[in-house]
């Protein structure tokens, strides 16, 4: 795809997903997978820092941003199947994959499927503020968001979710932006948000076997102040993978690439360059 290209890509059930390419043509490719209630614009700060050296593919899952929103709920498994279809349609070549929050199991499930049919298609995997399964703590958090949304609408859900998502430093420095996001949530489509939250709350799977199936380096990256998916999740992922490293981002909560894009870019670029250096030479 041409750098700067953006368009709608058909996946399953007639659903179209908004996708965007940025970065220099011919550079190694990176895929960024959104977390819950997120659109591709949220990655802009990180994208700007890595596109001098890498091509970046971003997309909105069904129900997010500029993508279609069919009847829900939109489950993790459905998102993973959509991503697998998107990659078949775009055929982006080898990828460094980054999954943020609920985007982590989505990225893992879709990447494992692609790796089974296209050996070498996944150059590296980064699980960022992510998880493999909803443990007891995380399950209660997500169900609380869903209950708040159903009881009090987007405003109450936003108020309940905010201290779980953002770190102290970010909230202190960005009060005006957070209030603007709350206003946008109030003005948004409540059914659209419900489809996404209910789909995540319904997740009973485990992306661990998908992680095991990937034969590539793994980076478990987490905000030091992440209270939603605390560093214990990242430590468990790093311990489970055969070729893994752990990176803690100081001063960041659950949305490290948005809160501290420069620090995250520093870790990712070093990791990607290392993975690129390990590629087998072309015969």
Protein backbone atom coordinates (compact mmCIF):
# COMPACT_ATOMS: atom_id res chain seq x y z
CA UNK A 1 0.00 0.00 0.00
CA UNK A 2 1.08 3.59 -0.65
CA UNK A 3 2.40 5.41 2.45
CA UNK A 4 -0.36 7.61 3.86
CA UNK A 5 -3.03 5.32 2.40
CA UNK A 6 -6.27 5.00 4.35
CA UNK A 7 -9.34 3.02 3.38
CA UNK A 8 -12.02 0.52 4.31
CA UNK A 9 -11.23 -3.20 3.99
CA UNK A 10 -13.97 -5.85 3.90
CA UNK A 11 -13.48 -8.73 6.31
CA UNK A 12 -16.40 -10.94 7.40
CA UNK A 13 -20.20 -10.61 7.35
CA UNK A 14 -19.91 -7.57 5.10
CA UNK A 15 -18.09 -5.63 7.83
CA UNK A 16 -15.53 -3.05 6.71
CA UNK A 17 -12.58 -2.04 8.87
CA UNK A 18 -10.78 1.29 8.56
CA UNK A 19 -7.05 0.76 8.06
CA UNK A 20 -4.13 3.13 7.49
CA UNK A 21 -0.53 2.80 6.34
CA UNK A 22 2.17 5.36 7.22
CA UNK A 23 5.94 5.43 6.85
CA UNK A 24 8.54 4.90 4.13
CA UNK A 25 7.77 2.44 1.38
CA UNK A 26 9.98 -0.65 1.62
CA UNK A 27 10.78 -0.24 5.33
CA UNK A 28 10.06 -3.09 7.78
CA UNK A 29 6.37 -3.19 8.71
CA UNK A 30 4.71 -2.78 12.10
CA UNK A 31 1.10 -3.58 13.04
CA UNK A 32 -0.53 -1.70 15.94
CA UNK A 33 -3.63 -3.35 17.43
CA UNK A 34 -6.03 -1.12 19.38
CA UNK A 35 -7.23 -1.68 22.89
CA UNK A 36 -10.82 -1.26 24.09
CA UNK A 37 -12.64 2.01 23.22
CA UNK A 38 -9.75 3.21 21.07
CA UNK A 39 -9.28 4.50 17.52
CA UNK A 40 -6.16 4.64 15.36
CA UNK A 41 -5.64 8.33 16.11
CA UNK A 42 -4.61 7.43 19.67
CA UNK A 43 -1.41 5.89 18.26
CA UNK A 44 -0.36 9.10 16.49
CA UNK A 45 2.29 10.17 18.99
CA UNK A 46 4.02 6.80 18.81
CA UNK A 47 3.57 6.52 15.04
CA UNK A 48 5.28 9.87 14.46
CA UNK A 49 8.33 8.63 16.38
CA UNK A 50 8.81 5.34 14.52
CA UNK A 51 7.81 6.12 10.91
CA UNK A 52 11.21 7.47 9.95
CA UNK A 53 12.42 3.86 10.11
CA UNK A 54 9.33 1.62 9.93
CA UNK A 55 6.06 1.39 8.02
CA UNK A 56 3.09 1.41 10.39
CA UNK A 57 -0.25 -0.31 9.81
CA UNK A 58 -3.08 0.77 12.10
CA UNK A 59 -6.73 -0.23 12.01
CA UNK A 60 -9.97 0.10 13.97
CA UNK A 61 -11.69 -3.08 15.09
CA UNK A 62 -15.38 -3.49 14.35
CA UNK A 63 -17.27 -1.02 16.51
CA UNK A 64 -14.31 1.37 16.81
CA UNK A 65 -13.45 4.63 15.10
CA UNK A 66 -14.18 4.58 11.39
CA UNK A 67 -15.00 0.86 11.14
CA UNK A 68 -18.48 -0.62 10.81
CA UNK A 69 -20.50 -1.48 13.92
CA UNK A 70 -22.76 -4.47 13.26
CA UNK A 71 -24.90 -5.92 16.08
CA UNK A 72 -22.74 -6.99 19.03
CA UNK A 73 -21.31 -7.91 21.36
CA UNK A 74 -17.92 -7.79 19.66
CA UNK A 75 -15.86 -10.55 21.25
CA UNK A 76 -12.08 -10.98 21.41
CA UNK A 77 -12.40 -14.06 19.17
CA UNK A 78 -14.44 -12.11 16.61
CA UNK A 79 -11.87 -9.30 16.56
CA UNK A 80 -9.08 -11.86 16.09
CA UNK A 81 -10.88 -13.45 13.14
CA UNK A 82 -11.40 -9.98 11.64
CA UNK A 83 -7.70 -9.18 12.01
CA UNK A 84 -6.71 -12.44 10.35
CA UNK A 85 -9.02 -11.57 7.44
CA UNK A 86 -7.63 -8.03 7.25
CA UNK A 87 -4.09 -9.37 6.99
CA UNK A 88 -5.11 -11.80 4.27
CA UNK A 89 -6.69 -8.94 2.34
CA UNK A 90 -3.79 -6.49 2.72
CA UNK A 91 -0.98 -9.09 2.62
CA UNK A 92 1.48 -6.77 4.40
CA UNK A 93 4.43 -9.15 4.47
CA UNK A 94 6.46 -9.85 7.64
CA UNK A 95 5.25 -7.83 10.63
CA UNK A 96 6.36 -6.61 14.02
CA UNK A 97 3.08 -6.79 15.96
CA UNK A 98 2.07 -4.66 18.96
CA UNK A 99 -1.14 -5.39 20.87
CA UNK A 100 -2.29 -2.89 23.51
CA UNK A 101 -4.52 -4.02 26.40
CA UNK A 102 -7.37 -6.14 24.92
CA UNK A 103 -5.53 -5.79 21.61
CA UNK A 104 -2.91 -8.18 23.01
CA UNK A 105 -5.02 -11.38 22.91
CA UNK A 106 -6.49 -10.21 19.59
CA UNK A 107 -2.99 -9.77 18.16
CA UNK A 108 -1.76 -13.07 19.59
CA UNK A 109 -4.66 -15.15 18.28
CA UNK A 110 -4.53 -13.64 14.79
CA UNK A 111 -0.71 -13.76 14.62
CA UNK A 112 -0.58 -17.41 15.63
CA UNK A 113 -3.01 -18.26 12.83
CA UNK A 114 -0.99 -16.27 10.30
CA UNK A 115 2.27 -17.84 11.45
CA UNK A 116 0.83 -21.33 10.95
CA UNK A 117 0.10 -20.60 7.28
CA UNK A 118 2.91 -18.12 6.60
CA UNK A 119 6.13 -19.12 8.41
CA UNK A 120 8.21 -16.04 9.17
CA UNK A 121 5.21 -13.73 8.82
CA UNK A 122 5.53 -12.50 12.42
CA UNK A 123 8.96 -10.96 13.08
CA UNK A 124 8.26 -10.02 16.69
CA UNK A 125 5.41 -9.70 19.18
CA UNK A 126 4.95 -6.95 21.75
CA UNK A 127 2.32 -7.35 24.45
CA UNK A 128 1.78 -3.83 25.78
CA UNK A 129 -0.18 -3.37 29.03
CA UNK A 130 -1.85 -6.60 27.99
CA UNK A 131 -3.05 -9.96 29.22
CA UNK A 132 -3.56 -13.52 28.03
CA UNK A 133 -6.80 -14.22 29.91
CA UNK A 134 -9.23 -12.39 32.18
CA UNK A 135 -8.10 -13.40 35.65
CA UNK A 136 -10.36 -12.80 38.68
CA UNK A 137 -9.17 -9.21 39.20
CA UNK A 138 -9.33 -8.09 35.57
CA UNK A 139 -12.66 -9.83 35.06
CA UNK A 140 -14.19 -7.83 37.92
CA UNK A 141 -12.78 -4.59 36.50
CA UNK A 142 -14.31 -5.12 33.06
CA UNK A 143 -17.65 -6.31 34.46
CA UNK A 144 -17.72 -3.18 36.65
CA UNK A 145 -17.28 -1.03 33.54
CA UNK A 146 -20.12 -2.89 31.84
CA UNK A 147 -22.39 -2.55 34.89
CA UNK A 148 -21.61 1.18 35.14
CA UNK A 149 -22.39 1.65 31.45
CA UNK A 150 -25.70 -0.18 31.76
CA UNK A 151 -26.69 1.62 34.97
CA UNK A 152 -25.53 5.16 34.27
CA UNK A 153 -24.55 5.36 30.60
CA UNK A 154 -21.27 6.54 29.06
CA UNK A 155 -20.62 9.21 31.68
CA UNK A 156 -20.63 6.84 34.64
CA UNK A 157 -18.66 4.26 32.69
CA UNK A 158 -16.04 6.89 31.82
CA UNK A 159 -15.76 7.98 35.45
CA UNK A 160 -15.37 4.39 36.66
CA UNK A 161 -12.83 3.47 33.96
CA UNK A 162 -10.61 6.57 34.04
CA UNK A 163 -8.52 5.81 37.17
CA UNK A 164 -7.98 2.25 35.94
CA UNK A 165 -6.69 3.38 32.54
CA UNK A 166 -4.53 6.45 33.14
CA UNK A 167 -1.57 6.87 35.44
CA UNK A 168 -1.24 9.57 38.06
CA UNK A 169 1.32 11.58 36.09
CA UNK A 170 -0.81 11.62 32.95
CA UNK A 171 -4.02 12.61 34.76
CA UNK A 172 -2.22 15.42 36.59
CA UNK A 173 -0.77 16.86 33.39
CA UNK A 174 -3.77 16.37 31.07
CA UNK A 175 -6.89 17.32 33.03
CA UNK A 176 -8.28 19.43 30.19
CA UNK A 177 -7.87 16.63 27.63
CA UNK A 178 -9.47 14.06 29.94
CA UNK A 179 -12.52 16.29 30.45
CA UNK A 180 -12.78 16.71 26.66
CA UNK A 181 -12.69 12.92 26.23
CA UNK A 182 -15.46 12.60 28.82
CA UNK A 183 -17.59 15.04 26.84
CA UNK A 184 -16.92 13.06 23.67
CA UNK A 185 -17.94 9.84 25.45
CA UNK A 186 -21.21 11.45 26.52
CA UNK A 187 -21.88 12.53 22.94
CA UNK A 188 -20.98 9.14 21.48
CA UNK A 189 -23.09 6.13 20.58
CA UNK A 190 -23.85 4.27 23.82
CA UNK A 191 -24.77 1.07 21.97
CA UNK A 192 -21.48 1.09 20.10
CA UNK A 193 -19.56 1.33 23.37
CA UNK A 194 -21.69 -1.39 24.95
CA UNK A 195 -20.92 -3.78 22.08
CA UNK A 196 -17.19 -3.41 22.72
CA UNK A 197 -17.25 -3.63 26.53
CA UNK A 198 -19.68 -6.56 26.60
CA UNK A 199 -17.53 -8.42 24.09
CA UNK A 200 -14.44 -8.06 26.24
CA UNK A 201 -16.37 -9.00 29.41
CA UNK A 202 -17.46 -12.22 27.69
CA UNK A 203 -13.89 -13.35 27.02
CA UNK A 204 -13.29 -16.71 28.65
CA UNK A 205 -10.37 -17.78 26.52
CA UNK A 206 -6.61 -17.92 27.00
CA UNK A 207 -4.16 -16.58 24.43
CA UNK A 208 -1.30 -18.42 26.12
CA UNK A 209 -1.20 -21.26 23.57
CA UNK A 210 -1.08 -18.66 20.78
CA UNK A 211 1.93 -17.06 22.46
CA UNK A 212 3.54 -20.49 22.74
CA UNK A 213 3.02 -21.09 19.02
CA UNK A 214 4.89 -17.96 17.92
CA UNK A 215 8.52 -18.57 17.04
CA UNK A 216 9.65 -14.96 17.36
CA UNK A 217 11.07 -12.60 20.00
CA UNK A 218 8.54 -11.30 22.53
CA UNK A 219 8.56 -7.99 24.38
CA UNK A 220 6.34 -7.70 27.46
CA UNK A 221 5.99 -3.95 27.96
CA UNK A 222 3.96 -2.42 30.80
CA UNK A 223 3.41 0.90 32.53
CA UNK A 224 5.01 0.86 35.95
CA UNK A 225 1.82 2.38 37.41
CA UNK A 226 -0.63 0.18 35.48
CA UNK A 227 -3.32 -0.89 37.98
CA UNK A 228 -5.59 -2.57 35.42
CA UNK A 229 -3.08 -5.08 34.09
CA UNK A 230 -0.30 -4.75 36.70
CA UNK A 231 3.30 -5.68 35.87
CA UNK A 232 2.66 -9.24 37.13
CA UNK A 233 0.89 -9.91 33.80
CA UNK A 234 3.94 -8.76 31.82
CA UNK A 235 6.29 -10.74 34.04
CA UNK A 236 4.25 -13.90 33.51
CA UNK A 237 4.27 -13.37 29.74
CA UNK A 238 8.03 -12.77 29.67
CA UNK A 239 8.61 -15.87 31.80
CA UNK A 240 6.42 -18.01 29.56
CA UNK A 241 7.95 -17.08 26.20
CA UNK A 242 11.18 -18.76 25.11
CA UNK A 243 12.78 -15.58 23.73
CA UNK A 244 11.43 -12.65 25.73
CA UNK A 245 12.34 -9.46 27.52
CA UNK A 246 10.45 -7.30 30.01
CA UNK A 247 10.28 -3.50 29.89
CA UNK A 248 8.66 -1.27 32.53
CA UNK A 249 7.72 2.27 31.48
CA UNK A 250 8.20 4.67 34.39
CA UNK A 251 5.37 7.12 35.06
CA UNK A 252 2.85 5.33 32.82
CA UNK A 253 -0.44 3.63 33.61
CA UNK A 254 -2.43 1.24 31.45
CA UNK A 255 -2.02 3.22 28.22
CA UNK A 256 1.76 3.53 28.07
CA UNK A 257 2.05 4.28 24.30
CA UNK A 258 -0.31 7.24 24.72
CA UNK A 259 1.00 8.46 28.08
CA UNK A 260 4.73 8.07 27.38
CA UNK A 261 5.15 7.65 23.59
CA UNK A 262 8.85 8.60 23.54
CA UNK A 263 9.75 6.07 26.23
CA UNK A 264 7.72 3.35 24.51
CA UNK A 265 9.22 4.20 21.11
CA UNK A 266 12.72 3.89 22.59
CA UNK A 267 11.97 0.36 23.82
CA UNK A 268 10.20 -0.71 20.62
CA UNK A 269 12.82 0.60 18.22
CA UNK A 270 15.61 -1.18 20.08
CA UNK A 271 13.56 -4.40 20.15
CA UNK A 272 12.58 -4.21 16.46
CA UNK A 273 16.11 -3.46 15.32
CA UNK A 274 17.37 -6.44 17.28
CA UNK A 275 14.68 -8.67 15.71
CA UNK A 276 15.52 -7.35 12.22
CA UNK A 277 19.21 -8.09 12.75
CA UNK A 278 18.33 -11.72 13.50
CA UNK A 279 16.52 -12.31 10.20
CA UNK A 280 17.92 -15.12 8.12
CA UNK A 281 19.75 -13.76 5.06
CA UNK A 282 17.91 -14.09 1.78
CA UNK A 283 19.44 -16.91 -0.32
